[in-house]
């Protein structure tokens, strides 16, 4: 029995790293639950961190990343359809599935199945002290800007992606676009973007709490735990989950 394992959490909590480590351990494949990583050439602003999908020299297979051109509209319904197909293909090959991301709406839509049969899953979340999450968000934003996020947005503008579309693609693209079109200076752009990402992180946690109130059981991992502690907690929880569900089937 191969359940769908979900790893969720607010931005900058290291979800991809843990998902990749677990995928290596289970020989699983990862399905992205991110509303923007589906787009090609939008790498830095969406935080794809593709290097995280290489663990001890092994490249972890991933899905729903870099499959659409910028400018195309992606909807929850479209994501749900693509994700269900990816999950079906992975399971047909006998591999476990790890759903990883921070888009609570997309995760909930997929797990509920909306009009289709709900998908059995076990859900893990990563959260931490607010000050630590804020510190990590600010540090990551600085790294992304240094790594070339402004150039990435400029390239999208040069290839014809409209300001309106960039505005819809999320905070990083919205505020960098405002800087590039001289509506904000660099320091103001950074401060406003940093604050907006902090607020977005709080909204993500609000959505996850709403999922819990709706009946989703989320096994929370503390951000301060070491990778070994996180992995040990996941392994024990998975063993219990599989044991309980196996007993229900016999």
C-alpha atoms as a PDB file:
ATOM      1  CA  UNK A   1       0.000   0.000   0.000  1.00  0.00           C
ATOM      2  CA  UNK A   2       1.494   3.347  -1.097  1.00  0.00           C
ATOM      3  CA  UNK A   3      -0.298   6.330   0.488  1.00  0.00           C
ATOM      4  CA  UNK A   4       0.183   9.870  -0.732  1.00  0.00           C
ATOM      5  CA  UNK A   5       2.545  11.613   1.667  1.00  0.00           C
ATOM      6  CA  UNK A   6       2.055  15.373   1.898  1.00  0.00           C
ATOM      7  CA  UNK A   7       4.678  17.791   3.176  1.00  0.00           C
ATOM      8  CA  UNK A   8       3.381  21.331   3.605  1.00  0.00           C
ATOM      9  CA  UNK A   9       4.282  24.477   5.473  1.00  0.00           C
ATOM     10  CA  UNK A  10       4.750  28.218   5.060  1.00  0.00           C
ATOM     11  CA  UNK A  11       7.448  29.664   2.855  1.00  0.00           C
ATOM     12  CA  UNK A  12      11.118  29.318   3.846  1.00  0.00           C
ATOM     13  CA  UNK A  13      10.649  26.327   6.165  1.00  0.00           C
ATOM     14  CA  UNK A  14      12.680  23.811   4.132  1.00  0.00           C
ATOM     15  CA  UNK A  15       9.856  21.643   2.777  1.00  0.00           C
ATOM     16  CA  UNK A  16      11.645  20.675  -0.434  1.00  0.00           C
ATOM     17  CA  UNK A  17      14.750  19.441   1.366  1.00  0.00           C
ATOM     18  CA  UNK A  18      12.764  17.158   3.675  1.00  0.00           C
ATOM     19  CA  UNK A  19      10.613  15.916   0.787  1.00  0.00           C
ATOM     20  CA  UNK A  20      13.719  15.075  -1.224  1.00  0.00           C
ATOM     21  CA  UNK A  21      15.366  13.253   1.691  1.00  0.00           C
ATOM     22  CA  UNK A  22      12.211  11.241   2.235  1.00  0.00           C
ATOM     23  CA  UNK A  23      11.885  10.513  -1.477  1.00  0.00           C
ATOM     24  CA  UNK A  24      15.436   9.164  -1.520  1.00  0.00           C
ATOM     25  CA  UNK A  25      14.652   6.947   1.489  1.00  0.00           C
ATOM     26  CA  UNK A  26      11.391   5.615   0.025  1.00  0.00           C
ATOM     27  CA  UNK A  27      12.393   5.674  -3.665  1.00  0.00           C
ATOM     28  CA  UNK A  28       9.416   7.985  -4.141  1.00  0.00           C
ATOM     29  CA  UNK A  29       8.647  10.741  -6.643  1.00  0.00           C
ATOM     30  CA  UNK A  30       7.650  14.305  -5.772  1.00  0.00           C
ATOM     31  CA  UNK A  31       4.616  16.163  -7.094  1.00  0.00           C
ATOM     32  CA  UNK A  32       4.894  19.915  -6.616  1.00  0.00           C
ATOM     33  CA  UNK A  33       1.986  21.651  -4.898  1.00  0.00           C
ATOM     34  CA  UNK A  34       3.071  25.149  -5.839  1.00  0.00           C
ATOM     35  CA  UNK A  35       0.877  27.448  -7.889  1.00  0.00           C
ATOM     36  CA  UNK A  36       3.806  29.074  -9.758  1.00  0.00           C
ATOM     37  CA  UNK A  37       6.580  26.519 -10.118  1.00  0.00           C
ATOM     38  CA  UNK A  38       4.631  25.071 -13.024  1.00  0.00           C
ATOM     39  CA  UNK A  39       6.036  27.887 -15.205  1.00  0.00           C
ATOM     40  CA  UNK A  40       9.291  27.675 -17.153  1.00  0.00           C
ATOM     41  CA  UNK A  41      12.012  30.314 -16.661  1.00  0.00           C
ATOM     42  CA  UNK A  42      10.405  31.497 -13.424  1.00  0.00           C
ATOM     43  CA  UNK A  43      12.953  29.840 -11.193  1.00  0.00           C
ATOM     44  CA  UNK A  44      14.326  32.278  -8.639  1.00  0.00           C
ATOM     45  CA  UNK A  45      11.124  34.143  -7.851  1.00  0.00           C
ATOM     46  CA  UNK A  46       9.149  30.934  -7.361  1.00  0.00           C
ATOM     47  CA  UNK A  47      11.872  29.297  -5.262  1.00  0.00           C
ATOM     48  CA  UNK A  48      12.200  26.111  -7.285  1.00  0.00           C
ATOM     49  CA  UNK A  49      15.528  25.248  -5.630  1.00  0.00           C
ATOM     50  CA  UNK A  50      16.078  22.431  -8.117  1.00  0.00           C
ATOM     51  CA  UNK A  51      19.429  21.602  -6.520  1.00  0.00           C
ATOM     52  CA  UNK A  52      17.432  20.339  -3.542  1.00  0.00           C
ATOM     53  CA  UNK A  53      16.163  17.484  -5.707  1.00  0.00           C
ATOM     54  CA  UNK A  54      19.659  15.964  -5.783  1.00  0.00           C
ATOM     55  CA  UNK A  55      20.399  13.912  -2.671  1.00  0.00           C
ATOM     56  CA  UNK A  56      23.758  12.173  -2.287  1.00  0.00           C
ATOM     57  CA  UNK A  57      24.237  12.270  -6.039  1.00  0.00           C
ATOM     58  CA  UNK A  58      20.778  10.854  -6.758  1.00  0.00           C
ATOM     59  CA  UNK A  59      18.354  13.019  -8.743  1.00  0.00           C
ATOM     60  CA  UNK A  60      14.862  12.765  -7.270  1.00  0.00           C
ATOM     61  CA  UNK A  61      12.104  12.658  -9.934  1.00  0.00           C
ATOM     62  CA  UNK A  62       9.712  15.600  -9.700  1.00  0.00           C
ATOM     63  CA  UNK A  63       6.494  16.572 -11.464  1.00  0.00           C
ATOM     64  CA  UNK A  64       4.491  19.743 -12.263  1.00  0.00           C
ATOM     65  CA  UNK A  65       7.585  21.930 -12.419  1.00  0.00           C
ATOM     66  CA  UNK A  66       8.616  23.711 -15.634  1.00  0.00           C
ATOM     67  CA  UNK A  67       5.737  22.425 -17.764  1.00  0.00           C
ATOM     68  CA  UNK A  68       3.962  25.662 -18.839  1.00  0.00           C
ATOM     69  CA  UNK A  69       5.087  28.839 -20.598  1.00  0.00           C
ATOM     70  CA  UNK A  70       4.939  32.135 -18.675  1.00  0.00           C
ATOM     71  CA  UNK A  71       1.838  34.111 -19.509  1.00  0.00           C
ATOM     72  CA  UNK A  72      -0.498  31.138 -19.406  1.00  0.00           C
ATOM     73  CA  UNK A  73      -3.174  31.155 -16.712  1.00  0.00           C
ATOM     74  CA  UNK A  74      -3.083  28.276 -14.247  1.00  0.00           C
ATOM     75  CA  UNK A  75      -6.191  27.435 -12.214  1.00  0.00           C
ATOM     76  CA  UNK A  76      -6.913  25.196  -9.247  1.00  0.00           C
ATOM     77  CA  UNK A  77      -8.982  22.958 -11.507  1.00  0.00           C
ATOM     78  CA  UNK A  78      -6.163  22.669 -14.039  1.00  0.00           C
ATOM     79  CA  UNK A  79      -3.672  21.901 -11.279  1.00  0.00           C
ATOM     80  CA  UNK A  80      -5.978  19.271  -9.829  1.00  0.00           C
ATOM     81  CA  UNK A  81      -6.269  17.544 -13.188  1.00  0.00           C
ATOM     82  CA  UNK A  82      -2.518  17.604 -13.859  1.00  0.00           C
ATOM     83  CA  UNK A  83      -1.675  16.437 -10.332  1.00  0.00           C
ATOM     84  CA  UNK A  84      -4.135  13.549 -10.437  1.00  0.00           C
ATOM     85  CA  UNK A  85      -2.625  12.393 -13.727  1.00  0.00           C
ATOM     86  CA  UNK A  86       0.910  12.631 -12.342  1.00  0.00           C
ATOM     87  CA  UNK A  87      -0.087  10.712  -9.205  1.00  0.00           C
ATOM     88  CA  UNK A  88      -1.794   8.025 -11.279  1.00  0.00           C
ATOM     89  CA  UNK A  89       1.286   7.616 -13.485  1.00  0.00           C
ATOM     90  CA  UNK A  90       3.606   7.354 -10.481  1.00  0.00           C
ATOM     91  CA  UNK A  91       1.402   4.831  -8.711  1.00  0.00           C
ATOM     92  CA  UNK A  92       1.089   2.754 -11.884  1.00  0.00           C
ATOM     93  CA  UNK A  93       4.856   2.346 -11.709  1.00  0.00           C
ATOM     94  CA  UNK A  94       4.587   1.193  -8.099  1.00  0.00           C
ATOM     95  CA  UNK A  95       6.287   4.257  -6.614  1.00  0.00           C
ATOM     96  CA  UNK A  96       5.220   6.202  -3.509  1.00  0.00           C
ATOM     97  CA  UNK A  97       4.043   9.782  -4.058  1.00  0.00           C
ATOM     98  CA  UNK A  98       5.165  12.816  -2.053  1.00  0.00           C
ATOM     99  CA  UNK A  99       3.083  15.951  -2.513  1.00  0.00           C
ATOM    100  CA  UNK A 100       5.164  18.967  -1.496  1.00  0.00           C
ATOM    101  CA  UNK A 101       4.383  22.670  -1.386  1.00  0.00           C
ATOM    102  CA  UNK A 102       2.936  25.653   0.375  1.00  0.00           C
ATOM    103  CA  UNK A 103      -0.172  26.384  -1.707  1.00  0.00           C
ATOM    104  CA  UNK A 104      -2.846  25.318   0.756  1.00  0.00           C
ATOM    105  CA  UNK A 105      -5.667  25.833  -1.733  1.00  0.00           C
ATOM    106  CA  UNK A 106      -4.023  23.504  -4.252  1.00  0.00           C
ATOM    107  CA  UNK A 107      -3.195  20.870  -1.639  1.00  0.00           C
ATOM    108  CA  UNK A 108      -6.678  20.897  -0.156  1.00  0.00           C
ATOM    109  CA  UNK A 109      -8.331  20.767  -3.581  1.00  0.00           C
ATOM    110  CA  UNK A 110      -6.280  17.737  -4.550  1.00  0.00           C
ATOM    111  CA  UNK A 111      -6.692  15.833  -1.303  1.00  0.00           C
ATOM    112  CA  UNK A 112     -10.408  16.463  -1.138  1.00  0.00           C
ATOM    113  CA  UNK A 113     -10.750  15.545  -4.766  1.00  0.00           C
ATOM    114  CA  UNK A 114     -13.614  18.038  -5.089  1.00  0.00           C
ATOM    115  CA  UNK A 115     -15.955  16.051  -7.372  1.00  0.00           C
ATOM    116  CA  UNK A 116     -13.883  12.904  -7.409  1.00  0.00           C
ATOM    117  CA  UNK A 117     -13.094  10.392  -4.691  1.00  0.00           C
ATOM    118  CA  UNK A 118     -10.858  11.814  -1.943  1.00  0.00           C
ATOM    119  CA  UNK A 119      -7.272  10.572  -2.020  1.00  0.00           C
ATOM    120  CA  UNK A 120      -5.995   8.771   1.131  1.00  0.00           C
ATOM    121  CA  UNK A 121      -2.985  10.573   2.487  1.00  0.00           C
ATOM    122  CA  UNK A 122      -0.851  11.255   5.511  1.00  0.00           C
ATOM    123  CA  UNK A 123       0.102  14.881   5.990  1.00  0.00           C
ATOM    124  CA  UNK A 124       3.231  16.382   7.564  1.00  0.00           C
ATOM    125  CA  UNK A 125       3.751  20.082   8.145  1.00  0.00           C
ATOM    126  CA  UNK A 126       6.764  22.165   9.084  1.00  0.00           C
ATOM    127  CA  UNK A 127       6.362  25.225  11.285  1.00  0.00           C
ATOM    128  CA  UNK A 128       8.544  27.233  13.628  1.00  0.00           C
ATOM    129  CA  UNK A 129       8.764  30.213  15.908  1.00  0.00           C
ATOM    130  CA  UNK A 130       7.564  33.339  14.145  1.00  0.00           C
ATOM    131  CA  UNK A 131      10.851  35.232  14.602  1.00  0.00           C
ATOM    132  CA  UNK A 132      12.839  32.368  13.092  1.00  0.00           C
ATOM    133  CA  UNK A 133      10.511  32.098  10.112  1.00  0.00           C
ATOM    134  CA  UNK A 134      10.804  35.862   9.586  1.00  0.00           C
ATOM    135  CA  UNK A 135      14.597  35.646   9.744  1.00  0.00           C
ATOM    136  CA  UNK A 136      14.665  32.864   7.162  1.00  0.00           C
ATOM    137  CA  UNK A 137      12.283  34.733   4.854  1.00  0.00           C
ATOM    138  CA  UNK A 138      14.444  37.871   4.904  1.00  0.00           C
ATOM    139  CA  UNK A 139      17.656  35.912   4.379  1.00  0.00           C
ATOM    140  CA  UNK A 140      16.175  33.967   1.469  1.00  0.00           C
ATOM    141  CA  UNK A 141      14.882  37.136  -0.172  1.00  0.00           C
ATOM    142  CA  UNK A 142      18.339  38.715   0.006  1.00  0.00           C
ATOM    143  CA  UNK A 143      19.866  35.564  -1.508  1.00  0.00           C
ATOM    144  CA  UNK A 144      17.350  35.495  -4.350  1.00  0.00           C
ATOM    145  CA  UNK A 145      17.948  39.132  -5.218  1.00  0.00           C
ATOM    146  CA  UNK A 146      21.703  38.566  -5.175  1.00  0.00           C
ATOM    147  CA  UNK A 147      21.279  35.454  -7.314  1.00  0.00           C
ATOM    148  CA  UNK A 148      19.522  37.351 -10.101  1.00  0.00           C
ATOM    149  CA  UNK A 149      15.801  37.650  -9.411  1.00  0.00           C
ATOM    150  CA  UNK A 150      15.673  41.159 -10.887  1.00  0.00           C
ATOM    151  CA  UNK A 151      17.247  39.906 -14.123  1.00  0.00           C
ATOM    152  CA  UNK A 152      14.753  37.032 -14.211  1.00  0.00           C
ATOM    153  CA  UNK A 153      11.814  39.434 -14.088  1.00  0.00           C
ATOM    154  CA  UNK A 154      13.421  41.694 -16.691  1.00  0.00           C
ATOM    155  CA  UNK A 155      13.839  38.709 -19.014  1.00  0.00           C
ATOM    156  CA  UNK A 156      10.133  37.910 -18.646  1.00  0.00           C
ATOM    157  CA  UNK A 157       9.237  41.496 -19.508  1.00  0.00           C
ATOM    158  CA  UNK A 158      11.565  41.378 -22.519  1.00  0.00           C
ATOM    159  CA  UNK A 159       9.871  38.256 -23.856  1.00  0.00           C
ATOM    160  CA  UNK A 160       6.479  39.886 -23.677  1.00  0.00           C
ATOM    161  CA  UNK A 161       4.946  38.880 -20.350  1.00  0.00           C
ATOM    162  CA  UNK A 162       2.672  41.778 -19.430  1.00  0.00           C
ATOM    163  CA  UNK A 163       2.861  43.851 -16.262  1.00  0.00           C
ATOM    164  CA  UNK A 164      -0.664  42.693 -15.452  1.00  0.00           C
ATOM    165  CA  UNK A 165       0.383  39.043 -15.677  1.00  0.00           C
ATOM    166  CA  UNK A 166       3.522  39.617 -13.612  1.00  0.00           C
ATOM    167  CA  UNK A 167       1.357  41.276 -10.966  1.00  0.00           C
ATOM    168  CA  UNK A 168      -0.759  38.115 -10.797  1.00  0.00           C
ATOM    169  CA  UNK A 169       2.278  35.821 -10.560  1.00  0.00           C
ATOM    170  CA  UNK A 170       2.857  36.689  -6.942  1.00  0.00           C
ATOM    171  CA  UNK A 171       4.713  38.983  -4.636  1.00  0.00           C
ATOM    172  CA  UNK A 172       8.260  38.639  -5.986  1.00  0.00           C
ATOM    173  CA  UNK A 173       7.249  39.311  -9.579  1.00  0.00           C
ATOM    174  CA  UNK A 174       4.847  42.082  -8.562  1.00  0.00           C
ATOM    175  CA  UNK A 175       7.306  44.141  -6.533  1.00  0.00           C
ATOM    176  CA  UNK A 176      10.339  43.599  -8.747  1.00  0.00           C
ATOM    177  CA  UNK A 177       8.201  44.652 -11.729  1.00  0.00           C
ATOM    178  CA  UNK A 178       7.284  47.842  -9.846  1.00  0.00           C
ATOM    179  CA  UNK A 179      10.993  48.473  -9.290  1.00  0.00           C
ATOM    180  CA  UNK A 180      11.899  47.823 -12.921  1.00  0.00           C
ATOM    181  CA  UNK A 181       9.179  50.182 -14.125  1.00  0.00           C
ATOM    182  CA  UNK A 182      10.520  52.858 -11.737  1.00  0.00           C
ATOM    183  CA  UNK A 183       7.423  52.886  -9.571  1.00  0.00           C
ATOM    184  CA  UNK A 184       9.529  51.957  -6.533  1.00  0.00           C
ATOM    185  CA  UNK A 185      13.191  52.493  -5.694  1.00  0.00           C
ATOM    186  CA  UNK A 186      15.257  49.432  -4.781  1.00  0.00           C
ATOM    187  CA  UNK A 187      15.214  49.867  -0.989  1.00  0.00           C
ATOM    188  CA  UNK A 188      11.482  50.531  -0.897  1.00  0.00           C
ATOM    189  CA  UNK A 189      10.888  47.530  -3.132  1.00  0.00           C
ATOM    190  CA  UNK A 190      12.914  45.306  -0.805  1.00  0.00           C
ATOM    191  CA  UNK A 191      11.180  46.497   2.350  1.00  0.00           C
ATOM    192  CA  UNK A 192       7.685  46.237   0.899  1.00  0.00           C
ATOM    193  CA  UNK A 193       8.371  42.819  -0.615  1.00  0.00           C
ATOM    194  CA  UNK A 194       9.923  41.515   2.580  1.00  0.00           C
ATOM    195  CA  UNK A 195       6.918  42.661   4.628  1.00  0.00           C
ATOM    196  CA  UNK A 196       4.485  41.216   2.083  1.00  0.00           C
ATOM    197  CA  UNK A 197       6.172  37.795   2.175  1.00  0.00           C
ATOM    198  CA  UNK A 198       5.983  37.789   5.982  1.00  0.00           C
ATOM    199  CA  UNK A 199       2.258  38.507   5.742  1.00  0.00           C
ATOM    200  CA  UNK A 200       1.846  35.805   3.102  1.00  0.00           C
ATOM    201  CA  UNK A 201       3.536  33.288   5.411  1.00  0.00           C
ATOM    202  CA  UNK A 202       0.984  34.096   8.117  1.00  0.00           C
ATOM    203  CA  UNK A 203      -1.856  33.573   5.616  1.00  0.00           C
ATOM    204  CA  UNK A 204      -0.404  30.188   4.693  1.00  0.00           C
ATOM    205  CA  UNK A 205      -0.517  29.096   8.328  1.00  0.00           C
ATOM    206  CA  UNK A 206      -4.083  30.391   8.596  1.00  0.00           C
ATOM    207  CA  UNK A 207      -5.056  28.175   5.649  1.00  0.00           C
ATOM    208  CA  UNK A 208      -3.359  25.128   7.173  1.00  0.00           C
ATOM    209  CA  UNK A 209      -5.214  25.700  10.440  1.00  0.00           C
ATOM    210  CA  UNK A 210      -8.427  25.914   8.429  1.00  0.00           C
ATOM    211  CA  UNK A 211      -7.571  22.540   6.902  1.00  0.00           C
ATOM    212  CA  UNK A 212      -7.156  21.111  10.396  1.00  0.00           C
ATOM    213  CA  UNK A 213     -10.546  22.463  11.436  1.00  0.00           C
ATOM    214  CA  UNK A 214     -12.000  20.833   8.318  1.00  0.00           C
ATOM    215  CA  UNK A 215     -10.743  17.440   9.494  1.00  0.00           C
ATOM    216  CA  UNK A 216      -7.254  17.118   7.995  1.00  0.00           C
ATOM    217  CA  UNK A 217      -4.805  15.662  10.509  1.00  0.00           C
ATOM    218  CA  UNK A 218      -1.434  17.372  10.114  1.00  0.00           C
ATOM    219  CA  UNK A 219       1.590  15.902  11.885  1.00  0.00           C
ATOM    220  CA  UNK A 220       3.704  18.958  12.679  1.00  0.00           C
ATOM    221  CA  UNK A 221       7.497  18.987  12.592  1.00  0.00           C
ATOM    222  CA  UNK A 222       9.316  21.785  14.373  1.00  0.00           C
ATOM    223  CA  UNK A 223      11.557  23.923  12.197  1.00  0.00           C
ATOM    224  CA  UNK A 224      14.223  23.867  14.911  1.00  0.00           C
ATOM    225  CA  UNK A 225      14.593  20.076  14.726  1.00  0.00           C
ATOM    226  CA  UNK A 226      17.601  18.682  12.921  1.00  0.00           C
ATOM    227  CA  UNK A 227      17.110  16.877   9.614  1.00  0.00           C
ATOM    228  CA  UNK A 228      17.710  13.600  11.418  1.00  0.00           C
ATOM    229  CA  UNK A 229      15.026  14.381  14.000  1.00  0.00           C
ATOM    230  CA  UNK A 230      12.542  15.367  11.303  1.00  0.00           C
ATOM    231  CA  UNK A 231      13.209  12.221   9.303  1.00  0.00           C
ATOM    232  CA  UNK A 232      12.943   9.980  12.362  1.00  0.00           C
ATOM    233  CA  UNK A 233       9.581  11.521  13.274  1.00  0.00           C
ATOM    234  CA  UNK A 234       8.310  11.017   9.717  1.00  0.00           C
ATOM    235  CA  UNK A 235       9.502   7.413   9.569  1.00  0.00           C
ATOM    236  CA  UNK A 236       7.811   6.520  12.857  1.00  0.00           C
ATOM    237  CA  UNK A 237       4.581   8.247  11.861  1.00  0.00           C
ATOM    238  CA  UNK A 238       4.567   6.499   8.488  1.00  0.00           C
ATOM    239  CA  UNK A 239       5.116   3.110  10.114  1.00  0.00           C
ATOM    240  CA  UNK A 240       2.167   3.684  12.443  1.00  0.00           C
ATOM    241  CA  UNK A 241      -0.004   4.958   9.589  1.00  0.00           C
ATOM    242  CA  UNK A 242       0.737   1.965   7.372  1.00  0.00           C
ATOM    243  CA  UNK A 243       0.211  -0.476  10.245  1.00  0.00           C
ATOM    244  CA  UNK A 244      -3.159   1.042  11.155  1.00  0.00           C
ATOM    245  CA  UNK A 245      -4.397   1.119   7.561  1.00  0.00           C
ATOM    246  CA  UNK A 246      -3.189  -2.423   6.881  1.00  0.00           C
ATOM    247  CA  UNK A 247      -5.206  -3.661   9.860  1.00  0.00           C
ATOM    248  CA  UNK A 248      -8.299  -1.896   8.496  1.00  0.00           C
ATOM    249  CA  UNK A 249      -7.931  -3.783   5.213  1.00  0.00           C
ATOM    250  CA  UNK A 250      -7.790  -7.282   6.700  1.00  0.00           C
END
